[in-house]
Amino acid sequence: MSDFSLHRDPWQQLVLVWKDGRQVTGVEPVRAFPITAPAGLISICDAEGHELVRIEDLAELPAEVRAVLEEELTRREFIPVVLRIEQVSVASDPSEWKVVTDRGPTTFFMEDSDDDVRRLGPSRVMLVDTHGIHYLIPDARRLDAASRRILDRYL
């Protein structure tokens, strides 16, 4: 049994309620290693990023708490996988990227910043658009030649 529960308030903010009734509004669950170990540690943090709860194993939580937590993590961790880079227009800032993902074709914008194209290892790359949405390239070596040429300009 856990010492807390989770629910959404009328504004859809996540609220942590301790056993004694104290409430913390606007909490955010964060996986310690969302890409490399998604089943690992999960923290629930307050709006300032301070850890309030550390969860070792989701299976130990009551079903209602686990369901709310998993739903929130899924919503927060929307990470499409880039299969192909069709085109990047650098005529303006931010640049416009047209890509094909595992969820279909999409267009997004990226600032000209070193933080927007991140190496996560020798061949894994994360793209971050102007809205903070992350796009994963699990293995840049598996992209087609045209996509690799475009990506190489930013690495």
N, C-alpha and C. Protein backbone atom coordinates (compact mmCIF):
# COMPACT_ATOMS: atom_id res chain seq x y z
N MET A 1 0.84 -1.18 0.00
CA MET A 1 0.00 0.00 0.00
C MET A 1 0.89 1.24 0.00
N SER A 2 0.50 2.27 -0.76
CA SER A 2 1.31 3.48 -0.83
C SER A 2 0.83 4.52 0.18
N ASP A 3 1.69 5.49 0.43
CA ASP A 3 1.38 6.56 1.38
C ASP A 3 0.74 7.76 0.70
N PHE A 4 0.37 7.61 -0.57
CA PHE A 4 -0.18 8.72 -1.32
C PHE A 4 -1.17 8.22 -2.36
N SER A 5 -1.92 9.18 -2.92
CA SER A 5 -2.78 8.89 -4.08
C SER A 5 -2.56 10.00 -5.08
N LEU A 6 -3.06 9.80 -6.29
CA LEU A 6 -2.94 10.79 -7.36
C LEU A 6 -4.29 10.99 -8.02
N HIS A 7 -4.58 12.21 -8.38
CA HIS A 7 -5.77 12.50 -9.18
C HIS A 7 -5.54 13.79 -9.95
N ARG A 8 -6.43 14.10 -10.86
CA ARG A 8 -6.37 15.36 -11.61
C ARG A 8 -7.39 16.34 -11.04
N ASP A 9 -6.98 17.59 -10.96
CA ASP A 9 -7.91 18.63 -10.52
C ASP A 9 -8.73 19.11 -11.72
N PRO A 10 -9.67 20.02 -11.52
CA PRO A 10 -10.51 20.48 -12.64
C PRO A 10 -9.73 21.11 -13.79
N TRP A 11 -8.49 21.55 -13.55
CA TRP A 11 -7.65 22.15 -14.59
C TRP A 11 -6.69 21.13 -15.19
N GLN A 12 -6.92 19.86 -14.87
CA GLN A 12 -6.14 18.73 -15.39
C GLN A 12 -4.71 18.68 -14.86
N GLN A 13 -4.44 19.39 -13.78
CA GLN A 13 -3.14 19.29 -13.14
C GLN A 13 -3.13 18.04 -12.26
N LEU A 14 -1.99 17.39 -12.21
CA LEU A 14 -1.84 16.21 -11.38
C LEU A 14 -1.65 16.63 -9.92
N VAL A 15 -2.43 16.01 -9.02
CA VAL A 15 -2.39 16.35 -7.60
C VAL A 15 -1.97 15.11 -6.81
N LEU A 16 -0.94 15.28 -5.98
CA LEU A 16 -0.51 14.22 -5.07
C LEU A 16 -1.17 14.49 -3.71
N VAL A 17 -1.82 13.47 -3.16
CA VAL A 17 -2.48 13.60 -1.86
C VAL A 17 -1.83 12.60 -0.91
N TRP A 18 -1.21 13.14 0.16
CA TRP A 18 -0.60 12.27 1.17
C TRP A 18 -1.68 11.64 2.03
N LYS A 19 -1.35 10.58 2.72
CA LYS A 19 -2.29 9.88 3.61
C LYS A 19 -2.95 10.81 4.63
N ASP A 20 -2.18 11.80 5.10
CA ASP A 20 -2.70 12.72 6.12
C ASP A 20 -3.58 13.83 5.53
N GLY A 21 -3.79 13.81 4.20
CA GLY A 21 -4.67 14.78 3.55
C GLY A 21 -3.97 15.96 2.90
N ARG A 22 -2.68 16.16 3.20
CA ARG A 22 -1.95 17.26 2.55
C ARG A 22 -1.94 17.02 1.04
N GLN A 23 -2.02 18.10 0.27
CA GLN A 23 -2.05 17.99 -1.18
C GLN A 23 -0.95 18.85 -1.80
N VAL A 24 -0.40 18.34 -2.90
CA VAL A 24 0.57 19.10 -3.68
C VAL A 24 0.06 19.09 -5.12
N THR A 25 -0.29 20.27 -5.61
CA THR A 25 -0.84 20.40 -6.96
C THR A 25 0.27 20.67 -7.97
N GLY A 26 0.09 20.14 -9.18
CA GLY A 26 1.05 20.39 -10.26
C GLY A 26 2.28 19.52 -10.19
N VAL A 27 2.14 18.32 -9.62
CA VAL A 27 3.30 17.42 -9.57
C VAL A 27 3.52 16.78 -10.94
N GLU A 28 4.76 16.33 -11.16
CA GLU A 28 5.10 15.69 -12.43
C GLU A 28 5.89 14.42 -12.18
N PRO A 29 5.43 13.31 -12.78
CA PRO A 29 6.23 12.09 -12.69
C PRO A 29 7.36 12.14 -13.72
N VAL A 30 8.51 11.64 -13.34
CA VAL A 30 9.68 11.66 -14.22
C VAL A 30 10.39 10.32 -14.11
N ARG A 31 10.63 9.70 -15.26
CA ARG A 31 11.43 8.47 -15.26
C ARG A 31 12.90 8.85 -15.18
N ALA A 32 13.67 8.12 -14.39
CA ALA A 32 15.09 8.41 -14.27
C ALA A 32 15.80 8.18 -15.60
N PHE A 33 15.45 7.11 -16.30
CA PHE A 33 16.10 6.77 -17.57
C PHE A 33 15.03 6.37 -18.58
N PRO A 34 14.29 7.35 -19.14
CA PRO A 34 13.14 7.03 -19.99
C PRO A 34 13.48 6.31 -21.28
N ILE A 35 14.67 6.52 -21.81
CA ILE A 35 15.04 5.89 -23.08
C ILE A 35 15.74 4.56 -22.84
N THR A 36 16.72 4.55 -21.95
CA THR A 36 17.52 3.34 -21.77
C THR A 36 16.93 2.35 -20.77
N ALA A 37 16.16 2.83 -19.81
CA ALA A 37 15.57 1.93 -18.81
C ALA A 37 14.19 2.44 -18.40
N PRO A 38 13.20 2.36 -19.30
CA PRO A 38 11.89 2.94 -19.01
C PRO A 38 11.17 2.30 -17.83
N ALA A 39 11.53 1.08 -17.47
CA ALA A 39 10.87 0.43 -16.34
C ALA A 39 11.57 0.71 -15.02
N GLY A 40 12.61 1.56 -15.06
CA GLY A 40 13.39 1.85 -13.86
C GLY A 40 12.72 2.82 -12.92
N LEU A 41 13.52 3.52 -12.14
CA LEU A 41 13.03 4.44 -11.12
C LEU A 41 12.14 5.53 -11.68
N ILE A 42 11.12 5.88 -10.90
CA ILE A 42 10.24 6.98 -11.25
C ILE A 42 10.14 7.90 -10.04
N SER A 43 10.29 9.19 -10.29
CA SER A 43 10.14 10.18 -9.23
C SER A 43 8.90 11.00 -9.50
N ILE A 44 8.23 11.41 -8.44
CA ILE A 44 7.16 12.39 -8.55
C ILE A 44 7.72 13.65 -7.93
N CYS A 45 7.77 14.71 -8.75
CA CYS A 45 8.42 15.96 -8.34
C CYS A 45 7.40 17.09 -8.25
N ASP A 46 7.71 18.05 -7.39
CA ASP A 46 6.85 19.24 -7.30
C ASP A 46 7.18 20.19 -8.44
N ALA A 47 6.52 21.32 -8.49
CA ALA A 47 6.68 22.28 -9.59
C ALA A 47 8.09 22.84 -9.67
N GLU A 48 8.83 22.81 -8.58
CA GLU A 48 10.21 23.29 -8.58
C GLU A 48 11.20 22.19 -8.92
N GLY A 49 10.72 20.98 -9.16
CA GLY A 49 11.59 19.87 -9.51
C GLY A 49 12.14 19.08 -8.35
N HIS A 50 11.65 19.35 -7.13
CA HIS A 50 12.10 18.61 -5.96
C HIS A 50 11.35 17.28 -5.87
N GLU A 51 12.09 16.22 -5.64
CA GLU A 51 11.48 14.90 -5.55
C GLU A 51 10.65 14.78 -4.28
N LEU A 52 9.39 14.36 -4.45
CA LEU A 52 8.49 14.14 -3.32
C LEU A 52 8.36 12.65 -3.01
N VAL A 53 8.34 11.84 -4.08
CA VAL A 53 8.17 10.40 -3.95
C VAL A 53 9.09 9.72 -4.95
N ARG A 54 9.71 8.63 -4.52
CA ARG A 54 10.50 7.79 -5.42
C ARG A 54 9.82 6.42 -5.47
N ILE A 55 9.56 5.98 -6.70
CA ILE A 55 8.87 4.71 -6.89
C ILE A 55 9.85 3.73 -7.53
N GLU A 56 10.11 2.65 -6.83
CA GLU A 56 11.04 1.63 -7.33
C GLU A 56 10.35 0.69 -8.32
N ASP A 57 9.08 0.35 -8.05
CA ASP A 57 8.37 -0.64 -8.85
C ASP A 57 6.90 -0.26 -8.96
N LEU A 58 6.46 0.04 -10.18
CA LEU A 58 5.06 0.42 -10.39
C LEU A 58 4.09 -0.66 -9.94
N ALA A 59 4.50 -1.91 -10.02
CA ALA A 59 3.63 -3.03 -9.66
C ALA A 59 3.22 -3.01 -8.19
N GLU A 60 3.99 -2.32 -7.35
CA GLU A 60 3.68 -2.27 -5.92
C GLU A 60 2.62 -1.21 -5.58
N LEU A 61 2.27 -0.38 -6.55
CA LEU A 61 1.28 0.67 -6.30
C LEU A 61 -0.14 0.13 -6.45
N PRO A 62 -1.10 0.73 -5.75
CA PRO A 62 -2.50 0.36 -5.97
C PRO A 62 -2.87 0.62 -7.43
N ALA A 63 -3.79 -0.16 -7.96
CA ALA A 63 -4.15 -0.09 -9.37
C ALA A 63 -4.58 1.32 -9.79
N GLU A 64 -5.36 2.03 -8.95
CA GLU A 64 -5.83 3.36 -9.32
C GLU A 64 -4.67 4.35 -9.45
N VAL A 65 -3.74 4.30 -8.52
CA VAL A 65 -2.57 5.20 -8.55
C VAL A 65 -1.70 4.85 -9.75
N ARG A 66 -1.47 3.57 -9.96
CA ARG A 66 -0.65 3.12 -11.08
C ARG A 66 -1.26 3.57 -12.41
N ALA A 67 -2.57 3.47 -12.55
CA ALA A 67 -3.23 3.86 -13.80
C ALA A 67 -3.06 5.36 -14.08
N VAL A 68 -3.25 6.20 -13.07
CA VAL A 68 -3.07 7.65 -13.24
C VAL A 68 -1.62 7.96 -13.59
N LEU A 69 -0.70 7.32 -12.91
CA LEU A 69 0.72 7.55 -13.13
C LEU A 69 1.15 7.11 -14.53
N GLU A 70 0.71 5.93 -14.95
CA GLU A 70 1.07 5.44 -16.29
C GLU A 70 0.47 6.32 -17.37
N GLU A 71 -0.75 6.79 -17.17
CA GLU A 71 -1.39 7.69 -18.14
C GLU A 71 -0.59 8.99 -18.27
N GLU A 72 -0.19 9.54 -17.15
CA GLU A 72 0.57 10.80 -17.16
C GLU A 72 1.95 10.60 -17.80
N LEU A 73 2.60 9.50 -17.49
CA LEU A 73 3.91 9.24 -18.10
C LEU A 73 3.79 9.07 -19.61
N THR A 74 2.76 8.38 -20.04
CA THR A 74 2.54 8.19 -21.48
C THR A 74 2.30 9.53 -22.16
N ARG A 75 1.52 10.38 -21.53
CA ARG A 75 1.23 11.70 -22.08
C ARG A 75 2.49 12.56 -22.15
N ARG A 76 3.29 12.52 -21.10
CA ARG A 76 4.51 13.32 -21.03
C ARG A 76 5.60 12.79 -21.95
N GLU A 77 5.62 11.50 -22.16
CA GLU A 77 6.72 10.89 -22.89
C GLU A 77 6.37 10.55 -24.33
N PHE A 78 5.54 11.35 -24.93
CA PHE A 78 5.20 11.19 -26.33
C PHE A 78 6.48 11.45 -27.12
N ILE A 79 7.09 10.37 -27.63
CA ILE A 79 8.35 10.50 -28.35
C ILE A 79 8.25 9.73 -29.67
N PRO A 80 7.85 10.43 -30.74
CA PRO A 80 7.81 9.76 -32.03
C PRO A 80 9.22 9.36 -32.48
N VAL A 81 9.30 8.26 -33.22
CA VAL A 81 10.57 7.78 -33.76
C VAL A 81 10.68 8.24 -35.21
N VAL A 82 11.76 8.96 -35.52
CA VAL A 82 11.99 9.46 -36.87
C VAL A 82 12.51 8.32 -37.74
N LEU A 83 11.80 8.05 -38.82
CA LEU A 83 12.19 7.01 -39.77
C LEU A 83 12.94 7.58 -40.97
N ARG A 84 12.60 8.84 -41.32
CA ARG A 84 13.22 9.47 -42.49
C ARG A 84 13.09 10.99 -42.35
N ILE A 85 14.13 11.70 -42.76
CA ILE A 85 14.09 13.16 -42.80
C ILE A 85 13.88 13.53 -44.26
N GLU A 86 12.72 14.12 -44.54
CA GLU A 86 12.37 14.48 -45.92
C GLU A 86 13.06 15.76 -46.36
N GLN A 87 13.02 16.77 -45.48
CA GLN A 87 13.53 18.08 -45.88
C GLN A 87 13.71 18.95 -44.65
N VAL A 88 14.72 19.81 -44.68
CA VAL A 88 14.89 20.83 -43.65
C VAL A 88 15.05 22.16 -44.36
N SER A 89 14.17 23.08 -44.04
CA SER A 89 14.21 24.42 -44.63
C SER A 89 14.87 25.35 -43.64
N VAL A 90 16.04 25.88 -44.01
CA VAL A 90 16.77 26.78 -43.12
C VAL A 90 16.65 28.23 -43.59
N ALA A 91 15.70 28.50 -44.49
CA ALA A 91 15.52 29.85 -45.00
C ALA A 91 15.10 30.82 -43.91
N SER A 92 14.52 30.30 -42.84
CA SER A 92 14.11 31.15 -41.74
C SER A 92 14.50 30.50 -40.43
N ASP A 93 14.48 31.29 -39.38
CA ASP A 93 14.75 30.76 -38.05
C ASP A 93 13.46 30.91 -37.26
N PRO A 94 12.86 29.89 -36.76
CA PRO A 94 13.36 28.51 -36.66
C PRO A 94 13.27 27.76 -37.98
N SER A 95 14.12 26.73 -38.10
CA SER A 95 14.10 25.91 -39.32
C SER A 95 12.91 24.97 -39.30
N GLU A 96 12.42 24.65 -40.48
CA GLU A 96 11.25 23.77 -40.62
C GLU A 96 11.75 22.38 -41.03
N TRP A 97 11.37 21.38 -40.25
CA TRP A 97 11.75 19.99 -40.51
C TRP A 97 10.53 19.22 -40.97
N LYS A 98 10.67 18.52 -42.09
CA LYS A 98 9.63 17.62 -42.57
C LYS A 98 10.20 16.21 -42.45
N VAL A 99 9.53 15.40 -41.63
CA VAL A 99 10.03 14.06 -41.35
C VAL A 99 8.90 13.04 -41.45
N VAL A 100 9.29 11.78 -41.53
CA VAL A 100 8.34 10.68 -41.44
C VAL A 100 8.67 9.96 -40.14
N THR A 101 7.66 9.79 -39.28
CA THR A 101 7.86 9.11 -38.01
C THR A 101 7.07 7.81 -37.98
N ASP A 102 7.22 7.08 -36.91
CA ASP A 102 6.46 5.85 -36.73
C ASP A 102 4.97 6.15 -36.55
N ARG A 103 4.61 7.41 -36.43
CA ARG A 103 3.22 7.81 -36.28
C ARG A 103 2.73 8.58 -37.52
N GLY A 104 3.54 8.58 -38.57
CA GLY A 104 3.17 9.24 -39.82
C GLY A 104 4.03 10.46 -40.10
N PRO A 105 3.78 11.11 -41.23
CA PRO A 105 4.56 12.29 -41.58
C PRO A 105 4.16 13.48 -40.70
N THR A 106 5.14 14.34 -40.44
CA THR A 106 4.87 15.53 -39.64
C THR A 106 5.87 16.62 -40.00
N THR A 107 5.51 17.82 -39.63
CA THR A 107 6.38 18.97 -39.80
C THR A 107 6.52 19.65 -38.45
N PHE A 108 7.73 20.04 -38.10
CA PHE A 108 7.94 20.76 -36.85
C PHE A 108 9.05 21.79 -37.06
N PHE A 109 9.20 22.67 -36.11
CA PHE A 109 10.19 23.74 -36.18
C PHE A 109 11.22 23.56 -35.08
N MET A 110 12.49 23.88 -35.41
CA MET A 110 13.57 23.81 -34.43
C MET A 110 14.39 25.08 -34.49
N GLU A 111 14.74 25.60 -33.33
CA GLU A 111 15.64 26.75 -33.24
C GLU A 111 17.02 26.29 -33.67
N ASP A 112 17.86 27.22 -34.03
CA ASP A 112 19.24 26.89 -34.41
C ASP A 112 20.09 26.85 -33.14
N SER A 113 19.95 25.77 -32.40
CA SER A 113 20.62 25.65 -31.11
C SER A 113 21.27 24.27 -31.00
N ASP A 114 22.39 24.23 -30.31
CA ASP A 114 23.08 22.95 -30.09
C ASP A 114 22.25 22.00 -29.24
N ASP A 115 21.31 22.53 -28.46
CA ASP A 115 20.49 21.69 -27.59
C ASP A 115 19.35 21.01 -28.34
N ASP A 116 19.07 21.45 -29.56
CA ASP A 116 17.92 20.91 -30.30
C ASP A 116 18.23 19.60 -31.02
N VAL A 117 19.48 19.34 -31.30
CA VAL A 117 19.91 18.07 -31.88
C VAL A 117 20.92 17.49 -30.90
N ARG A 118 20.51 16.44 -30.20
CA ARG A 118 21.34 15.90 -29.11
C ARG A 118 21.78 14.48 -29.42
N ARG A 119 23.06 14.23 -29.30
CA ARG A 119 23.58 12.86 -29.39
C ARG A 119 23.32 12.17 -28.06
N LEU A 120 22.77 10.98 -28.12
CA LEU A 120 22.53 10.19 -26.91
C LEU A 120 23.42 8.95 -26.88
N GLY A 121 24.46 8.97 -27.65
CA GLY A 121 25.36 7.84 -27.79
C GLY A 121 25.97 7.91 -29.17
N PRO A 122 26.66 6.86 -29.57
CA PRO A 122 27.35 6.92 -30.86
C PRO A 122 26.41 7.08 -32.06
N SER A 123 25.19 6.54 -31.99
CA SER A 123 24.31 6.63 -33.16
C SER A 123 22.87 7.03 -32.81
N ARG A 124 22.58 7.20 -31.54
CA ARG A 124 21.23 7.59 -31.11
C ARG A 124 21.16 9.12 -31.04
N VAL A 125 20.07 9.69 -31.57
CA VAL A 125 19.93 11.15 -31.64
C VAL A 125 18.52 11.54 -31.19
N MET A 126 18.45 12.65 -30.48
CA MET A 126 17.17 13.21 -30.06
C MET A 126 17.04 14.60 -30.69
N LEU A 127 15.91 14.86 -31.34
CA LEU A 127 15.58 16.17 -31.88
C LEU A 127 14.53 16.79 -30.97
N VAL A 128 14.65 18.08 -30.67
CA VAL A 128 13.69 18.75 -29.80
C VAL A 128 13.14 19.96 -30.54
N ASP A 129 11.81 19.97 -30.75
CA ASP A 129 11.22 21.08 -31.51
C ASP A 129 10.96 22.28 -30.61
N THR A 130 10.45 23.36 -31.21
CA THR A 130 10.24 24.60 -30.48
C THR A 130 9.17 24.49 -29.39
N HIS A 131 8.34 23.43 -29.44
CA HIS A 131 7.33 23.20 -28.40
C HIS A 131 7.81 22.24 -27.33
N GLY A 132 9.06 21.79 -27.44
CA GLY A 132 9.61 20.86 -26.46
C GLY A 132 9.30 19.41 -26.73
N ILE A 133 8.70 19.11 -27.88
CA ILE A 133 8.41 17.72 -28.23
C ILE A 133 9.70 17.07 -28.70
N HIS A 134 9.95 15.88 -28.18
CA HIS A 134 11.16 15.13 -28.51
C HIS A 134 10.87 14.12 -29.61
N TYR A 135 11.80 14.00 -30.55
CA TYR A 135 11.72 13.03 -31.64
C TYR A 135 13.00 12.20 -31.56
N LEU A 136 12.84 10.89 -31.52
CA LEU A 136 13.98 10.00 -31.34
C LEU A 136 14.41 9.38 -32.66
N ILE A 137 15.72 9.37 -32.89
CA ILE A 137 16.32 8.59 -33.97
C ILE A 137 17.14 7.52 -33.25
N PRO A 138 16.61 6.29 -33.14
CA PRO A 138 17.27 5.26 -32.34
C PRO A 138 18.65 4.87 -32.88
N ASP A 139 18.81 4.89 -34.20
CA ASP A 139 20.09 4.53 -34.81
C ASP A 139 20.23 5.30 -36.12
N ALA A 140 20.97 6.40 -36.07
CA ALA A 140 21.13 7.25 -37.25
C ALA A 140 21.76 6.50 -38.42
N ARG A 141 22.51 5.45 -38.13
CA ARG A 141 23.14 4.66 -39.20
C ARG A 141 22.10 3.93 -40.04
N ARG A 142 20.91 3.73 -39.50
CA ARG A 142 19.85 3.02 -40.23
C ARG A 142 18.97 3.94 -41.08
N LEU A 143 19.19 5.25 -40.98
CA LEU A 143 18.46 6.18 -41.84
C LEU A 143 18.95 6.02 -43.28
N ASP A 144 18.12 6.39 -44.24
CA ASP A 144 18.55 6.37 -45.63
C ASP A 144 19.65 7.42 -45.82
N ALA A 145 20.39 7.33 -46.92
CA ALA A 145 21.55 8.18 -47.16
C ALA A 145 21.18 9.67 -47.16
N ALA A 146 20.06 10.03 -47.79
CA ALA A 146 19.66 11.43 -47.84
C ALA A 146 19.37 11.96 -46.43
N SER A 147 18.69 11.18 -45.62
CA SER A 147 18.39 11.59 -44.24
C SER A 147 19.67 11.76 -43.43
N ARG A 148 20.61 10.83 -43.61
CA ARG A 148 21.88 10.92 -42.88
C ARG A 148 22.65 12.19 -43.27
N ARG A 149 22.66 12.52 -44.57
CA ARG A 149 23.35 13.74 -45.01
C ARG A 149 22.75 14.98 -44.35
N ILE A 150 21.43 15.05 -44.30
CA ILE A 150 20.77 16.19 -43.66
C ILE A 150 21.14 16.23 -42.18
N LEU A 151 21.03 15.13 -41.49
CA LEU A 151 21.30 15.07 -40.06
C LEU A 151 22.75 15.41 -39.75
N ASP A 152 23.67 14.95 -40.60
CA ASP A 152 25.11 15.20 -40.36
C ASP A 152 25.43 16.69 -40.29
N ARG A 153 24.65 17.52 -40.95
CA ARG A 153 24.88 18.98 -40.90
C ARG A 153 24.66 19.54 -39.49
N TYR A 154 23.89 18.82 -38.68
CA TYR A 154 23.52 19.32 -37.36
C TYR A 154 24.25 18.62 -36.22
N LEU A 155 25.04 17.62 -36.55
CA LEU A 155 25.76 16.89 -35.48
C LEU A 155 27.18 17.35 -35.34
